Amino acid sequence: MLELIQIPCLTDNYAWLVVDGAQALVVDPAEAAPVLDRLAPTGARLAAVLVTHHHDDHVGGIDELVAATGCAVVGNARDGGRIPRLSRRVDPGQTTVVAGLPLEVLDVSGHTLGHVAYACARRFGVVRRHGHGGSETEVARLAGRPALFVGDALFGAGCGRLFEGTKEMLAAALATLAARNPSSLVCCAHEYTAANLRFAQAALPDHAAIRARALGLDEEMGAAKSSVPSTLEEELATNPFLLALHDDEPAAAVGELRARKDVFAV
């Protein structure tokens, strides 16, 4: 049974451990110790690290994980000089098999120029949330879904800043993700949902679905103290940046929203 386990790292980062029988992979490990600690009771061998982009809070645990397990490191060939220990270079548009799982590599450049996401079409039998300060909790209603490992390209009710790309790239990246299976789990790398919903309500004060999501957030986080993974269908209904794709000029609308969010007083 394919299992998805959220691992809290640093102060608000998440790594994602995927366990498939005797093999496992981890996505964006900011630290090694939490990953190794959670991997141990599964009995699985860490076959690979998947990297969405080169920022330190996504690759900080790689050296130690490679030293401890001999795992491969998979990332965008374009970022070959920026991802430590990169041993398997992939290109957007291809499907690669990692730890026995076929993963489609998606170009979501914008936050950084080499940012990719990974789409896993296989459905997860078990999904476990574990936020900072919370306890690991199995969320049965999230089971039976495929997953998108999106790094910082998309968050709960938000998206990543433009550090290297343009508003046109950001709109294209969001459109790429929006076109995926709406039942997909959105496995992002940070717990920003509460702050993003405050901005979403300010930007779209009459949007009933956004208001309802904000009101239900504490219940959603529950004992796990985590709101992610969310689902793509929920993001399509309540994420202002995805809603902006319906504008006549989506790049302009997305760029304007991102500029407002950059200076929004939470």
Protein backbone atom coordinates (compact mmCIF):
# COMPACT_ATOMS: atom_id res chain seq x y z
CA MET A 1 0.00 0.00 0.00
CA LEU A 2 1.38 3.38 -1.02
CA GLU A 3 1.75 5.65 2.02
CA LEU A 4 2.26 9.42 2.22
CA ILE A 5 3.77 10.79 5.44
CA GLN A 6 4.22 14.48 6.19
CA ILE A 7 7.40 15.33 8.12
CA PRO A 8 7.77 18.73 9.82
CA CYS A 9 11.19 20.36 9.38
CA LEU A 10 12.72 23.66 10.53
CA THR A 11 9.97 26.08 11.61
CA ASP A 12 7.33 25.75 8.88
CA ASN A 13 8.78 23.43 6.23
CA TYR A 14 7.45 20.03 5.29
CA ALA A 15 9.22 17.09 3.72
CA TRP A 16 7.11 14.32 2.22
CA LEU A 17 8.02 10.68 2.76
CA VAL A 18 6.53 8.25 0.26
CA VAL A 19 6.70 4.60 1.31
CA ASP A 20 5.93 1.81 -1.13
CA GLY A 21 6.68 -1.49 0.56
CA ALA A 22 10.42 -1.92 0.95
CA GLN A 23 11.32 1.31 -0.86
CA ALA A 24 10.84 4.97 -0.02
CA LEU A 25 11.57 8.42 -1.39
CA VAL A 26 11.47 11.81 0.25
CA VAL A 27 10.62 15.17 -1.29
CA ASP A 28 12.43 18.41 -0.35
CA PRO A 29 14.15 17.40 2.91
CA ALA A 30 15.19 20.59 4.69
CA GLU A 31 16.76 18.45 7.40
CA ALA A 32 17.95 14.86 7.54
CA ALA A 33 17.28 13.88 11.15
CA PRO A 34 13.47 14.09 11.05
CA VAL A 35 13.43 12.07 7.84
CA LEU A 36 15.73 9.35 9.18
CA ASP A 37 13.77 9.18 12.43
CA ARG A 38 10.46 8.69 10.62
CA LEU A 39 11.90 6.36 8.02
CA ALA A 40 13.31 3.91 10.58
CA PRO A 41 10.02 2.38 11.81
CA THR A 42 8.80 1.81 8.25
CA GLY A 43 11.65 -0.62 7.57
CA ALA A 44 11.91 0.79 4.05
CA ARG A 45 15.11 1.72 2.25
CA LEU A 46 15.43 5.34 1.19
CA ALA A 47 16.00 5.05 -2.54
CA ALA A 48 15.90 8.70 -3.52
CA VAL A 49 15.46 12.35 -2.68
CA LEU A 50 13.21 14.34 -5.01
CA VAL A 51 14.06 18.04 -5.25
CA THR A 52 11.59 20.62 -6.54
CA HIS A 53 14.06 23.54 -6.46
CA HIS A 54 17.42 24.55 -5.11
CA HIS A 55 16.57 26.74 -2.10
CA ASP A 56 18.40 25.82 1.11
CA ASP A 57 15.21 24.96 2.99
CA HIS A 58 14.49 22.27 0.39
CA VAL A 59 17.93 20.71 0.05
CA GLY A 60 19.50 21.19 3.49
CA GLY A 61 19.24 17.54 4.47
CA ILE A 62 20.58 16.02 1.28
CA ASP A 63 24.25 15.60 2.18
CA GLU A 64 23.46 13.77 5.40
CA LEU A 65 20.77 11.60 3.79
CA VAL A 66 23.10 10.52 1.00
CA ALA A 67 25.84 9.76 3.51
CA ALA A 68 23.47 7.72 5.67
CA THR A 69 21.59 5.81 2.97
CA GLY A 70 23.41 6.10 -0.36
CA CYS A 71 20.17 7.36 -1.93
CA ALA A 72 19.97 8.98 -5.33
CA VAL A 73 19.18 12.69 -5.67
CA VAL A 74 16.71 13.56 -8.42
CA GLY A 75 16.21 17.10 -9.72
CA ASN A 76 15.93 19.38 -12.70
CA ALA A 77 18.92 19.11 -15.02
CA ARG A 78 18.74 22.89 -15.39
CA ASP A 79 19.65 23.22 -11.70
CA GLY A 80 22.60 20.85 -11.90
CA GLY A 81 24.94 23.38 -10.36
CA ARG A 82 22.55 24.39 -7.59
CA ILE A 83 21.28 21.09 -6.15
CA PRO A 84 23.80 19.25 -3.95
CA ARG A 85 24.69 15.65 -4.83
CA LEU A 86 22.42 15.65 -7.88
CA SER A 87 22.81 12.19 -9.40
CA ARG A 88 19.70 11.82 -11.60
CA ARG A 89 18.93 14.75 -13.85
CA VAL A 90 15.40 15.03 -15.19
CA ASP A 91 13.75 17.43 -17.61
CA PRO A 92 10.24 18.90 -17.51
CA GLY A 93 7.90 16.95 -19.73
CA GLN A 94 9.43 13.57 -19.07
CA THR A 95 8.18 10.74 -16.90
CA THR A 96 10.80 9.19 -14.66
CA VAL A 97 10.56 6.13 -12.41
CA VAL A 98 11.83 6.73 -8.87
CA ALA A 99 11.66 4.05 -6.17
CA GLY A 100 9.37 2.12 -8.51
CA LEU A 101 6.95 5.06 -8.92
CA PRO A 102 6.33 6.70 -12.31
CA LEU A 103 6.50 10.46 -11.79
CA GLU A 104 5.71 13.11 -14.38
CA VAL A 105 8.05 16.10 -14.20
CA LEU A 106 6.20 19.42 -14.60
CA ASP A 107 7.72 22.80 -15.44
CA VAL A 108 6.52 25.25 -12.77
CA SER A 109 9.25 27.87 -13.15
CA GLY A 110 8.52 31.22 -11.57
CA HIS A 111 9.39 31.04 -7.89
CA THR A 112 12.78 29.97 -9.26
CA LEU A 113 13.82 29.40 -12.86
CA GLY A 114 14.44 25.71 -12.33
CA HIS A 115 11.39 24.86 -10.22
CA VAL A 116 9.67 21.59 -11.09
CA ALA A 117 6.76 19.67 -9.61
CA TYR A 118 6.26 15.91 -9.64
CA ALA A 119 2.90 14.30 -10.42
CA CYS A 120 2.30 10.82 -9.04
CA ALA A 121 -0.69 9.16 -10.71
CA ARG A 122 -0.74 6.21 -8.32
CA ARG A 123 -3.22 6.63 -5.50
CA PHE A 124 -2.17 6.74 -1.88
CA GLY A 125 -3.78 4.20 0.41
CA VAL A 126 -2.73 6.04 3.57
CA VAL A 127 -2.16 9.77 4.09
CA ARG A 128 -0.68 11.06 7.35
CA ARG A 129 -0.54 14.71 8.34
CA HIS A 130 1.96 15.94 10.93
CA GLY A 131 2.29 19.68 11.41
CA HIS A 132 4.59 21.63 13.68
CA GLY A 133 3.44 21.20 17.27
CA GLY A 134 0.89 18.58 16.26
CA SER A 135 0.75 14.80 16.29
CA GLU A 136 0.89 12.46 13.32
CA THR A 137 -2.68 11.80 12.23
CA GLU A 138 -4.06 9.55 9.51
CA VAL A 139 -6.64 11.44 7.42
CA ALA A 140 -8.89 8.83 5.87
CA ARG A 141 -10.78 11.22 3.60
CA LEU A 142 -7.52 12.13 1.82
CA ALA A 143 -6.75 8.52 0.93
CA GLY A 144 -7.35 7.09 -2.53
CA ARG A 145 -5.98 10.11 -4.36
CA PRO A 146 -2.97 10.81 -6.63
CA ALA A 147 -0.54 13.53 -5.59
CA LEU A 148 1.26 16.64 -6.81
CA PHE A 149 4.54 17.47 -5.09
CA VAL A 150 4.61 21.18 -5.79
CA GLY A 151 7.37 22.60 -3.57
CA ASP A 152 6.79 26.36 -3.34
CA ALA A 153 4.90 26.76 -6.62
CA LEU A 154 1.49 26.41 -4.95
CA PHE A 155 0.41 26.64 -1.30
CA GLY A 156 -2.82 26.28 0.58
CA ALA A 157 -4.76 29.33 -0.69
CA GLY A 158 -1.58 30.89 -2.11
CA CYS A 159 1.55 30.55 -4.22
CA GLY A 160 5.26 31.23 -3.91
CA ARG A 161 6.97 34.57 -4.37
CA LEU A 162 8.65 35.45 -7.64
CA PHE A 163 12.34 35.31 -6.78
CA GLU A 164 13.66 34.64 -10.29
CA GLY A 165 10.78 34.35 -12.73
CA THR A 166 8.15 36.63 -14.25
CA LYS A 167 4.42 37.00 -13.79
CA GLU A 168 3.97 35.23 -17.13
CA MET A 169 5.96 32.25 -15.81
CA LEU A 170 3.94 32.23 -12.60
CA ALA A 171 0.64 32.24 -14.47
CA ALA A 172 1.88 29.43 -16.73
CA ALA A 173 3.04 27.39 -13.74
CA LEU A 174 -0.29 27.80 -11.99
CA ALA A 175 -2.15 26.88 -15.18
CA THR A 176 -0.03 23.73 -15.49
CA LEU A 177 -0.99 22.66 -11.98
CA ALA A 178 -4.62 23.71 -12.38
CA ALA A 179 -4.96 21.36 -15.36
CA ARG A 180 -4.08 18.26 -13.36
CA ASN A 181 -6.51 15.73 -11.87
CA PRO A 182 -8.62 17.82 -9.46
CA SER A 183 -8.72 15.00 -6.92
CA SER A 184 -4.93 15.25 -6.52
CA LEU A 185 -3.35 15.94 -3.16
CA VAL A 186 -1.42 19.22 -3.19
CA CYS A 187 1.75 18.45 -1.25
CA CYS A 188 3.40 21.81 -0.70
CA ALA A 189 6.46 22.56 1.40
CA HIS A 190 5.17 25.14 3.90
CA GLU A 191 2.31 25.75 6.33
CA TYR A 192 1.17 29.13 5.04
CA THR A 193 -2.56 28.47 4.72
CA ALA A 194 -3.79 30.68 7.57
CA ALA A 195 -1.85 33.73 6.38
CA ASN A 196 -2.82 33.06 2.78
CA LEU A 197 -6.50 32.87 3.67
CA ARG A 198 -6.29 36.22 5.43
CA PHE A 199 -4.99 37.72 2.21
CA ALA A 200 -7.53 35.81 0.13
CA GLN A 201 -10.38 37.25 2.20
CA ALA A 202 -8.97 40.75 1.85
CA ALA A 203 -8.57 40.33 -1.91
CA LEU A 204 -11.96 38.66 -2.47
CA PRO A 205 -14.13 39.69 0.52
CA ASP A 206 -17.39 38.46 -1.01
CA HIS A 207 -16.14 34.99 -1.95
CA ALA A 208 -18.24 32.55 0.06
CA ALA A 209 -16.02 29.50 -0.44
CA ILE A 210 -12.92 31.36 0.75
CA ARG A 211 -14.78 32.61 3.80
CA ALA A 212 -16.00 29.09 4.59
CA ARG A 213 -12.50 27.66 4.25
CA ALA A 214 -11.11 30.28 6.62
CA LEU A 215 -13.84 29.62 9.19
CA GLY A 216 -13.20 25.89 9.07
CA LEU A 217 -9.41 26.04 9.17
CA ASP A 218 -8.93 25.20 12.86
CA GLU A 219 -11.11 22.11 12.52
CA GLU A 220 -9.29 21.16 9.31
CA MET A 221 -5.90 21.31 11.03
CA GLY A 222 -7.10 19.21 13.95
CA ALA A 223 -4.70 17.25 16.12
CA ALA A 224 -2.11 17.21 13.34
CA LYS A 225 -1.91 21.03 13.38
CA SER A 226 -1.62 20.85 9.59
CA SER A 227 -3.82 21.94 6.71
CA VAL A 228 -1.82 20.21 3.99
CA PRO A 229 -1.96 18.30 1.84
CA SER A 230 -5.06 20.01 0.56
CA THR A 231 -6.71 18.89 -2.64
CA LEU A 232 -6.47 20.53 -6.02
CA GLU A 233 -10.24 20.79 -6.20
CA GLU A 234 -10.21 22.82 -2.97
CA GLU A 235 -7.47 25.09 -4.32
CA LEU A 236 -9.32 25.59 -7.59
CA ALA A 237 -12.33 26.78 -5.59
CA THR A 238 -10.60 28.96 -2.97
CA ASN A 239 -7.06 29.88 -4.03
CA PRO A 240 -7.14 33.47 -5.34
CA PHE A 241 -4.15 32.90 -7.61
CA LEU A 242 -5.84 29.98 -9.34
CA LEU A 243 -9.10 31.93 -9.53
CA ALA A 244 -7.18 34.75 -11.23
CA LEU A 245 -6.41 32.42 -14.13
CA HIS A 246 -10.01 32.98 -15.27
CA ASP A 247 -9.30 36.66 -15.87
CA ASP A 248 -9.12 37.91 -19.46
CA GLU A 249 -5.43 38.66 -18.86
CA PRO A 250 -4.35 35.98 -16.39
CA ALA A 251 -0.67 36.92 -16.21
CA ALA A 252 -1.54 40.50 -15.33
CA ALA A 253 -4.13 39.38 -12.77
CA VAL A 254 -1.81 36.87 -11.15
CA GLY A 255 1.09 39.33 -11.14
CA GLU A 256 -1.04 42.04 -9.55
CA LEU A 257 -2.22 39.67 -6.82
CA ARG A 258 1.32 38.48 -6.14
CA ALA A 259 2.56 42.07 -5.84
CA ARG A 260 -0.25 42.83 -3.37
CA LYS A 261 0.51 39.71 -1.35
CA ASP A 262 4.20 40.63 -1.13
CA VAL A 263 3.34 43.74 0.89
CA PHE A 264 0.22 42.47 2.66
CA ALA A 265 0.27 43.01 6.43
CA VAL A 266 -0.74 39.64 7.84
